[in-house]
Amino acid sequence: MSDIKTKLGKRIQEIRKKKGMSQEKLAELVGIE
């Protein structure tokens, strides 16, 4: 299970960085405060 979470997290980070988006902006877009 941990491996899946790690892979998902890395994939999200990769996409976020390609789009030039900060963690804060991503959290805002998905509704996490």
N, C-alpha and C. Protein backbone atom coordinates (compact mmCIF):
# COMPACT_ATOMS: atom_id res chain seq x y z
N MET A 1 0.83 -1.20 0.00
CA MET A 1 0.00 0.00 0.00
C MET A 1 0.87 1.26 0.00
N SER A 2 1.91 1.25 0.80
CA SER A 2 2.80 2.41 0.87
C SER A 2 3.44 2.70 -0.48
N ASP A 3 3.77 1.65 -1.23
CA ASP A 3 4.39 1.82 -2.54
C ASP A 3 3.44 2.56 -3.50
N ILE A 4 2.17 2.25 -3.42
CA ILE A 4 1.17 2.91 -4.27
C ILE A 4 1.10 4.39 -3.92
N LYS A 5 1.08 4.70 -2.63
CA LYS A 5 1.02 6.09 -2.19
C LYS A 5 2.26 6.86 -2.64
N THR A 6 3.42 6.23 -2.55
CA THR A 6 4.66 6.86 -2.97
C THR A 6 4.64 7.15 -4.47
N LYS A 7 4.22 6.17 -5.26
CA LYS A 7 4.16 6.36 -6.71
C LYS A 7 3.16 7.45 -7.08
N LEU A 8 2.00 7.45 -6.43
CA LEU A 8 0.99 8.47 -6.71
C LEU A 8 1.52 9.85 -6.35
N GLY A 9 2.15 9.97 -5.19
CA GLY A 9 2.70 11.25 -4.76
C GLY A 9 3.75 11.77 -5.72
N LYS A 10 4.62 10.90 -6.19
CA LYS A 10 5.66 11.31 -7.13
C LYS A 10 5.06 11.74 -8.47
N ARG A 11 4.02 11.04 -8.89
CA ARG A 11 3.36 11.38 -10.16
C ARG A 11 2.66 12.74 -10.06
N ILE A 12 1.99 12.98 -8.94
CA ILE A 12 1.34 14.27 -8.73
C ILE A 12 2.39 15.38 -8.71
N GLN A 13 3.49 15.15 -8.02
CA GLN A 13 4.56 16.14 -7.95
C GLN A 13 5.12 16.43 -9.34
N GLU A 14 5.33 15.40 -10.13
CA GLU A 14 5.87 15.54 -11.49
C GLU A 14 4.94 16.41 -12.35
N ILE A 15 3.66 16.10 -12.32
CA ILE A 15 2.68 16.86 -13.11
C ILE A 15 2.60 18.30 -12.61
N ARG A 16 2.57 18.47 -11.29
CA ARG A 16 2.48 19.80 -10.68
C ARG A 16 3.67 20.66 -11.10
N LYS A 17 4.87 20.09 -11.07
CA LYS A 17 6.07 20.85 -11.43
C LYS A 17 6.09 21.19 -12.92
N LYS A 18 5.61 20.27 -13.78
CA LYS A 18 5.56 20.55 -15.21
C LYS A 18 4.66 21.74 -15.50
N LYS A 19 3.61 21.88 -14.71
CA LYS A 19 2.66 22.98 -14.89
C LYS A 19 3.08 24.24 -14.14
N GLY A 20 4.20 24.15 -13.42
CA GLY A 20 4.71 25.30 -12.67
C GLY A 20 3.81 25.68 -11.51
N MET A 21 3.20 24.70 -10.89
CA MET A 21 2.23 24.93 -9.83
C MET A 21 2.84 24.62 -8.47
N SER A 22 2.58 25.47 -7.49
CA SER A 22 3.06 25.21 -6.14
C SER A 22 2.13 24.22 -5.44
N GLN A 23 2.61 23.67 -4.34
CA GLN A 23 1.77 22.76 -3.55
C GLN A 23 0.55 23.51 -3.03
N GLU A 24 0.73 24.77 -2.67
CA GLU A 24 -0.37 25.58 -2.15
C GLU A 24 -1.45 25.77 -3.22
N LYS A 25 -1.03 26.06 -4.44
CA LYS A 25 -1.98 26.28 -5.54
C LYS A 25 -2.73 24.99 -5.85
N LEU A 26 -2.03 23.88 -5.88
CA LEU A 26 -2.67 22.59 -6.13
C LEU A 26 -3.70 22.30 -5.04
N ALA A 27 -3.32 22.52 -3.78
CA ALA A 27 -4.25 22.27 -2.66
C ALA A 27 -5.49 23.15 -2.80
N GLU A 28 -5.29 24.40 -3.20
CA GLU A 28 -6.41 25.33 -3.40
C GLU A 28 -7.35 24.81 -4.49
N LEU A 29 -6.78 24.33 -5.58
CA LEU A 29 -7.59 23.83 -6.69
C LEU A 29 -8.41 22.60 -6.33
N VAL A 30 -7.86 21.73 -5.48
CA VAL A 30 -8.58 20.51 -5.12
C VAL A 30 -9.40 20.67 -3.85
N GLY A 31 -9.34 21.86 -3.24
CA GLY A 31 -10.18 22.14 -2.08
C GLY A 31 -9.62 21.68 -0.75
N ILE A 32 -8.29 21.58 -0.65
CA ILE A 32 -7.64 21.22 0.62
C ILE A 32 -7.03 22.49 1.20
N GLU A 33 -7.29 22.72 2.48
CA GLU A 33 -6.73 23.93 3.09
C GLU A 33 -5.60 23.63 4.02
